[in-house]
Protein backbone atom coordinates (compact mmCIF):
# COMPACT_ATOMS: atom_id res chain seq x y z
CA UNK A 1 5.23 13.96 14.58
CA UNK A 2 6.89 17.25 14.02
CA UNK A 3 5.74 19.26 11.04
CA UNK A 4 9.22 19.31 9.45
CA UNK A 5 9.35 15.70 9.61
CA UNK A 6 5.85 15.25 8.17
CA UNK A 7 7.03 17.28 5.11
CA UNK A 8 10.01 15.30 5.02
CA UNK A 9 8.21 11.92 4.77
CA UNK A 10 6.03 13.48 2.17
CA UNK A 11 9.34 14.38 0.17
CA UNK A 12 10.82 10.73 0.79
CA UNK A 13 7.46 9.23 -0.46
CA UNK A 14 7.60 11.20 -3.66
CA UNK A 15 11.29 11.29 -4.23
CA UNK A 16 13.52 8.48 -5.87
CA UNK A 17 15.58 5.92 -4.62
CA UNK A 18 18.18 5.91 -1.86
CA UNK A 19 21.73 5.05 -2.88
CA UNK A 20 23.65 2.75 -0.62
CA UNK A 21 27.38 2.83 0.09
CA UNK A 22 29.59 0.29 -1.62
CA UNK A 23 29.81 -2.81 0.54
CA UNK A 24 26.81 -1.91 2.60
CA UNK A 25 25.14 -4.86 4.32
CA UNK A 26 21.68 -4.35 5.78
CA UNK A 27 21.12 -5.40 9.24
CA UNK A 28 17.96 -7.25 8.02
CA UNK A 29 17.01 -9.15 5.02
CA UNK A 30 16.29 -6.84 2.07
CA UNK A 31 12.83 -7.10 0.62
CA UNK A 32 11.80 -7.18 -3.06
CA UNK A 33 8.23 -6.05 -3.64
CA UNK A 34 5.72 -7.44 -6.43
CA UNK A 35 3.09 -5.12 -5.56
CA UNK A 36 2.63 -1.47 -4.46
CA UNK A 37 4.70 1.72 -5.25
CA UNK A 38 8.09 -0.26 -4.76
CA UNK A 39 7.08 -3.12 -7.11
CA UNK A 40 10.07 -4.70 -8.84
CA UNK A 41 12.75 -2.91 -6.58
CA UNK A 42 14.88 -4.01 -3.59
CA UNK A 43 13.56 -2.04 -0.61
CA UNK A 44 14.52 -1.07 2.91
CA UNK A 45 12.36 0.34 5.46
CA UNK A 46 13.90 3.68 7.13
CA UNK A 47 12.44 4.80 10.42
CA UNK A 48 12.76 8.21 12.08
CA UNK A 49 10.70 10.48 14.27
CA UNK A 50 8.20 7.77 15.07
CA UNK A 51 7.23 7.09 11.61
CA UNK A 52 8.70 4.79 8.57
CA UNK A 53 9.13 4.83 4.86
CA UNK A 54 10.03 2.10 2.49
CA UNK A 55 12.36 3.15 -0.17
CA UNK A 56 13.91 1.41 -3.17
CA UNK A 57 17.85 1.03 -3.01
CA UNK A 58 20.31 1.40 -5.74
CA UNK A 59 23.99 1.13 -5.81
CA UNK A 60 24.39 4.28 -7.89
CA UNK A 61 22.12 7.41 -8.71
CA UNK A 62 19.06 7.86 -6.65
CA UNK A 63 17.77 10.95 -5.13
CA UNK A 64 19.00 10.19 -1.64
CA UNK A 65 22.02 8.74 -0.07
CA UNK A 66 22.29 6.56 2.94
CA UNK A 67 25.20 7.52 5.37
CA UNK A 68 26.49 5.02 7.85
CA UNK A 69 27.64 6.38 11.07
CA UNK A 70 29.07 4.91 14.05
CA UNK A 71 25.71 4.75 15.57
CA UNK A 72 22.99 4.49 13.19
CA UNK A 73 22.20 6.06 9.85
CA UNK A 74 21.27 9.30 8.27
CA UNK A 75 19.78 10.17 4.76
CA UNK A 76 21.42 12.80 2.72
CA UNK A 77 20.05 14.88 -0.32
CA UNK A 78 22.07 16.91 -2.63
CA UNK A 79 25.33 16.51 -0.28
CA UNK A 80 23.51 17.65 2.83
CA UNK A 81 21.87 15.94 5.88
CA UNK A 82 18.08 15.55 4.99
CA UNK A 83 17.09 13.38 7.93
CA UNK A 84 19.43 12.46 10.87
CA UNK A 85 18.89 9.73 13.47
CA UNK A 86 17.59 7.21 11.06
CA UNK A 87 17.24 3.43 11.65
CA UNK A 88 16.56 0.42 9.55
CA UNK A 89 13.57 -1.71 10.44
CA UNK A 90 13.07 -5.27 9.49
CA UNK A 91 10.63 -6.37 6.81
CA UNK A 92 8.76 -9.85 7.35
CA UNK A 93 7.22 -10.26 4.00
CA UNK A 94 6.97 -7.08 2.02
CA UNK A 95 5.98 -5.03 5.16
CA UNK A 96 7.29 -4.68 8.76
CA UNK A 97 5.20 -6.33 11.40
CA UNK A 98 3.21 -8.20 8.99
CA UNK A 99 3.25 -11.18 6.44
CA UNK A 100 1.98 -9.35 3.34
CA UNK A 101 1.69 -11.60 0.32
CA UNK A 102 0.87 -11.10 -3.25
CA UNK A 103 -0.90 -14.16 -4.55
CA UNK A 104 -0.39 -13.46 -8.13
CA UNK A 105 1.29 -10.49 -9.88
CA UNK A 106 -0.36 -11.52 -13.24
CA UNK A 107 -3.46 -9.55 -14.35
CA UNK A 108 -5.78 -9.63 -17.09
CA UNK A 109 -6.75 -6.08 -16.43
CA UNK A 110 -4.19 -3.27 -17.49
CA UNK A 111 -4.48 -0.23 -15.21
CA UNK A 112 -2.18 2.28 -16.69
CA UNK A 113 -0.32 3.15 -13.50
CA UNK A 114 0.27 -0.37 -12.29
CA UNK A 115 3.76 -1.97 -12.47
CA UNK A 116 2.88 -5.44 -11.27
CA UNK A 117 1.81 -7.12 -14.75
CA UNK A 118 5.10 -5.96 -16.12
CA UNK A 119 7.34 -7.81 -13.69
CA UNK A 120 8.69 -11.23 -14.38
CA UNK A 121 5.97 -13.64 -14.20
CA UNK A 122 5.72 -16.31 -11.68
CA UNK A 123 3.32 -19.19 -10.29
CA UNK A 124 0.66 -18.42 -8.01
CA UNK A 125 1.58 -18.63 -4.52
CA UNK A 126 -0.64 -21.03 -2.50
CA UNK A 127 -1.90 -20.80 0.95
CA UNK A 128 0.28 -23.88 1.92
CA UNK A 129 3.30 -21.89 0.71
CA UNK A 130 2.37 -18.81 2.61
CA UNK A 131 1.94 -20.83 5.67
CA UNK A 132 5.20 -22.55 5.12
CA UNK A 133 7.05 -19.17 4.83
CA UNK A 134 5.65 -17.90 8.01
CA UNK A 135 6.58 -21.09 9.79
CA UNK A 136 10.08 -20.58 8.49
CA UNK A 137 10.53 -17.27 10.15
CA UNK A 138 13.18 -17.03 12.95
CA UNK A 139 12.00 -17.57 16.39
CA UNK A 140 10.97 -14.43 18.01
CA UNK A 141 10.00 -12.67 14.84
CA UNK A 142 7.05 -10.16 15.85
CA UNK A 143 4.39 -10.85 13.30
CA UNK A 144 1.21 -8.92 14.09
CA UNK A 145 -0.87 -9.95 10.99
CA UNK A 146 -1.21 -11.48 7.69
CA UNK A 147 -2.36 -9.75 4.63
CA UNK A 148 -2.96 -10.91 1.03
CA UNK A 149 -3.24 -8.94 -2.35
CA UNK A 150 -3.39 -10.04 -5.83
CA UNK A 151 -3.72 -9.32 -9.48
CA UNK A 152 -6.63 -10.73 -11.31
CA UNK A 153 -5.28 -13.77 -13.26
CA UNK A 154 -7.76 -15.85 -15.17
CA UNK A 155 -10.81 -14.03 -13.99
CA UNK A 156 -12.35 -12.37 -11.01
CA UNK A 157 -14.26 -15.37 -9.77
CA UNK A 158 -11.07 -17.57 -10.13
CA UNK A 159 -8.96 -15.21 -8.34
CA UNK A 160 -11.38 -14.56 -5.63
CA UNK A 161 -11.60 -18.45 -4.91
CA UNK A 162 -7.85 -18.60 -4.78
CA UNK A 163 -7.67 -15.95 -2.28
CA UNK A 164 -10.28 -17.53 -0.21
CA UNK A 165 -8.57 -20.77 -0.17
CA UNK A 166 -5.26 -19.10 0.94
CA UNK A 167 -7.17 -17.35 3.68
CA UNK A 168 -8.71 -20.80 4.94
CA UNK A 169 -5.38 -22.32 5.11
CA UNK A 170 -3.81 -19.37 7.06
CA UNK A 171 -6.59 -18.85 9.35
CA UNK A 172 -6.72 -22.59 10.25
CA UNK A 173 -2.87 -22.57 10.95
CA UNK A 174 -2.57 -19.18 12.73
CA UNK A 175 -6.08 -18.55 14.06
CA UNK A 176 -4.82 -15.75 16.43
CA UNK A 177 -3.44 -13.56 13.80
CA UNK A 178 -5.71 -10.99 12.08
CA UNK A 179 -6.03 -11.49 8.29
CA UNK A 180 -6.59 -8.63 5.61
CA UNK A 181 -7.29 -8.95 2.06
CA UNK A 182 -7.12 -6.70 -0.86
CA UNK A 183 -9.11 -8.13 -3.74
CA UNK A 184 -11.18 -6.96 -6.61
CA UNK A 185 -14.79 -8.45 -5.92
CA UNK A 186 -17.99 -8.00 -7.97
CA UNK A 187 -20.49 -9.91 -5.98
CA UNK A 188 -21.49 -9.42 -2.41
CA UNK A 189 -21.47 -13.06 -1.74
CA UNK A 190 -17.54 -13.07 -2.15
CA UNK A 191 -17.43 -10.65 0.57
CA UNK A 192 -19.25 -12.75 2.88
CA UNK A 193 -17.22 -15.72 1.87
CA UNK A 194 -13.98 -13.85 2.80
CA UNK A 195 -15.41 -13.15 6.16
CA UNK A 196 -16.44 -16.89 6.70
CA UNK A 197 -12.95 -18.05 5.84
CA UNK A 198 -11.48 -15.80 8.58
CA UNK A 199 -10.78 -12.34 7.09
CA UNK A 200 -11.09 -9.55 9.67
CA UNK A 201 -10.15 -6.62 7.56
CA UNK A 202 -11.23 -5.73 4.06
CA UNK A 203 -9.62 -3.42 1.48
CA UNK A 204 -11.20 -2.63 -1.99
CA UNK A 205 -9.68 0.39 -3.82
CA UNK A 206 -11.59 2.83 -5.65
CA UNK A 207 -8.33 3.81 -7.23
CA UNK A 208 -9.37 7.43 -8.47
CA UNK A 209 -11.26 10.35 -7.13
CA UNK A 210 -13.35 10.68 -10.34
CA UNK A 211 -15.18 7.95 -12.38
CA UNK A 212 -14.07 9.54 -15.71
CA UNK A 213 -10.51 9.30 -14.74
CA UNK A 214 -11.28 5.51 -13.53
CA UNK A 215 -12.94 4.65 -16.80
CA UNK A 216 -9.76 5.75 -18.71
CA UNK A 217 -7.23 4.48 -16.26
CA UNK A 218 -8.64 1.02 -15.58
CA UNK A 219 -10.49 -0.12 -18.59
CA UNK A 220 -12.63 -3.32 -17.90
CA UNK A 221 -13.23 -2.43 -14.30
CA UNK A 222 -16.26 -0.82 -12.74
CA UNK A 223 -15.97 1.89 -10.01
CA UNK A 224 -19.77 1.90 -9.28
CA UNK A 225 -19.24 -1.85 -8.53
CA UNK A 226 -16.42 -1.15 -6.27
CA UNK A 227 -18.39 1.46 -4.39
CA UNK A 228 -21.24 -1.08 -3.89
CA UNK A 229 -18.95 -3.79 -2.70
CA UNK A 230 -17.35 -1.18 -0.18
CA UNK A 231 -20.57 -0.32 1.20
CA UNK A 232 -21.68 -4.01 1.58
CA UNK A 233 -18.18 -4.64 3.29
CA UNK A 234 -18.91 -2.37 5.96
CA UNK A 235 -22.14 -4.21 6.85
CA UNK A 236 -20.25 -7.46 6.93
CA UNK A 237 -16.98 -6.21 8.84
CA UNK A 238 -18.16 -2.97 10.35
CA UNK A 239 -17.06 0.66 10.41
CA UNK A 240 -13.36 1.46 10.46
CA UNK A 241 -12.54 -2.19 9.32
CA UNK A 242 -12.98 -1.49 5.54
CA UNK A 243 -10.34 0.57 3.60
CA UNK A 244 -10.01 2.05 0.07
CA UNK A 245 -7.04 3.54 -1.60
CA UNK A 246 -7.32 6.77 -3.68
CA UNK A 247 -4.54 7.56 -6.01
CA UNK A 248 -3.67 11.15 -6.22
CA UNK A 249 -1.73 12.77 -9.19
CA UNK A 250 -3.76 11.32 -12.01
CA UNK A 251 -5.38 14.83 -12.94
CA UNK A 252 -7.98 15.26 -10.14
CA UNK A 253 -8.47 18.31 -8.26
CA UNK A 254 -8.20 18.57 -4.30
CA UNK A 255 -11.93 19.07 -4.37
CA UNK A 256 -12.35 15.65 -6.26
CA UNK A 257 -10.25 13.78 -3.47
CA UNK A 258 -12.16 15.51 -0.81
CA UNK A 259 -15.57 14.73 -2.33
CA UNK A 260 -14.48 11.04 -2.84
CA UNK A 261 -13.36 10.84 0.85
CA UNK A 262 -16.64 12.29 2.04
CA UNK A 263 -18.43 9.58 0.10
CA UNK A 264 -16.26 6.84 1.43
CA UNK A 265 -16.38 8.18 5.00
CA UNK A 266 -20.25 8.39 4.82
CA UNK A 267 -20.22 4.53 4.24
CA UNK A 268 -17.86 3.90 7.25
CA UNK A 269 -14.94 3.32 4.86
CA UNK A 270 -11.54 4.63 5.77
CA UNK A 271 -9.87 6.23 2.73
CA UNK A 272 -6.07 6.09 2.12
CA UNK A 273 -4.30 8.54 0.04
CA UNK A 274 -1.58 7.16 -2.18
CA UNK A 275 0.72 9.54 -4.16
CA UNK A 276 1.37 8.23 -7.75
CA UNK A 277 4.61 6.57 -8.21
CA UNK A 278 4.97 5.60 -11.72
CA UNK A 279 8.13 4.56 -13.71
CA UNK A 280 8.88 5.52 -17.24
CA UNK A 281 6.65 2.92 -18.90
CA UNK A 282 3.78 3.88 -16.59
CA UNK A 283 4.20 7.57 -17.18
CA UNK A 284 4.25 7.02 -20.94
CA UNK A 285 0.88 5.12 -20.75
CA UNK A 286 -0.58 7.62 -18.33
CA UNK A 287 0.55 10.69 -20.76
CA UNK A 288 -0.96 8.87 -23.75
CA UNK A 289 -4.52 8.36 -22.05
CA UNK A 290 -4.85 11.04 -19.56
CA UNK A 291 -2.22 13.57 -20.67
CA UNK A 292 1.00 14.29 -18.76
CA UNK A 293 0.60 14.19 -14.98
CA UNK A 294 0.93 17.51 -13.53
CA UNK A 295 2.98 16.04 -10.73
CA UNK A 296 2.15 16.14 -6.89
CA UNK A 297 4.31 18.03 -4.48
CA UNK A 298 5.14 17.51 -0.76
CA UNK A 299 2.68 20.64 0.04
CA UNK A 300 -0.21 18.89 -1.59
CA UNK A 301 0.34 15.64 0.10
CA UNK A 302 0.69 17.12 3.47
CA UNK A 303 -2.45 19.40 2.85
CA UNK A 304 -4.57 16.51 1.59
CA UNK A 305 -3.58 14.32 4.46
CA UNK A 306 -4.58 17.01 6.97
CA UNK A 307 -8.07 17.18 5.09
CA UNK A 308 -8.14 13.44 5.23
CA UNK A 309 -7.81 13.51 8.94
CA UNK A 310 -10.32 16.18 9.55
CA UNK A 311 -12.92 14.15 7.38
CA UNK A 312 -12.18 11.13 9.35
CA UNK A 313 -12.72 12.84 12.69
CA UNK A 314 -16.03 14.36 11.55
CA UNK A 315 -17.27 10.88 10.62
CA UNK A 316 -15.79 9.19 14.02
CA UNK A 317 -13.31 7.26 12.00
CA UNK A 318 -9.47 6.57 12.40
CA UNK A 319 -7.05 4.07 11.40
CA UNK A 320 -6.48 2.51 14.80
CA UNK A 321 -8.73 -0.42 13.97
CA UNK A 322 -6.51 -1.73 11.34
CA UNK A 323 -3.85 -4.45 12.25
CA UNK A 324 -2.89 -5.57 8.53
CA UNK A 325 -2.19 -3.81 5.24
CA UNK A 326 -1.24 -0.23 4.39
CA UNK A 327 -2.51 1.57 7.66
CA UNK A 328 -0.70 -0.98 9.76
CA UNK A 329 2.35 -0.65 7.37
CA UNK A 330 2.38 3.08 7.06
CA UNK A 331 5.59 3.11 4.61
CA UNK A 332 3.91 4.53 1.44
CA UNK A 333 1.58 7.30 2.65
CA UNK A 334 1.06 10.01 5.49
CA UNK A 335 -1.18 8.11 7.90
CA UNK A 336 -3.63 10.58 9.82
CA UNK A 337 -3.49 10.02 13.53
CA UNK A 338 -0.03 8.52 13.35
CA UNK A 339 1.98 10.79 11.15
CA UNK A 340 -0.14 13.93 11.90
């Protein structure tokens, strides 16, 4: 992708919502996320220059404006064209090209940057319900994979059992679709159980580049356990089939991020870099515990993505092995080997 568009994607990721014109009718169903940076918002996937970004949409305000043209769309910022020749891509469930389910947004843990536990509570989504939703997709829908994430509701072991039950149902019904999961696990046997149920890709998030930040940001969780589970996951699923997010913007330095990426890649884990996206409530919590976030600008996002690509190359890793979850979606981050 052109360098100028790489930077613009970074600016879109970091920026606010997109204002849509009055009476706008999206060409596809509008998504509402219950996990990830867009949790709680209506979202649309905007594609341009071979990449895509999922943005929240609003009827008023926003940092960007959608302009409807005779052929296609453009995005404006401050009254001027920001990106021309924009298209809108369909979202299957939460993401383009895949059915990405949040089994339960409830969570007994309270990571200070997470929006999901503050959303309207709902009942747990069963594997049967997920399968029914996939069966109900219009004929010809291009679904390339299934992914499941979840908050930890009730307890770690109970949540893991619930996710494994979902995987078992989905794998039995759709045996040719790859399944990825994003759990919190604390026992090696849980990883093997996911594999036996039909999971082909694993994502366990270390969340922060430094353990001291993690301990303050995610009370009750253990980063050392996460790293141990990631190491074991590589032995179960293989190098390049295990991923882990690192949030940037919580007070860590670029050196901290690089050190954590090196540590993950040494294991065979592919690190993803997720710029902090926090609403007013989350920012208040973060400021009270970690101090006011200094903010992360587009230059830092692009620079770290280039470092990420270099480290992956040095370890013989890339993102091509993933057919589910964040690397396959590519809407919330700069993706090495695809965007730059």
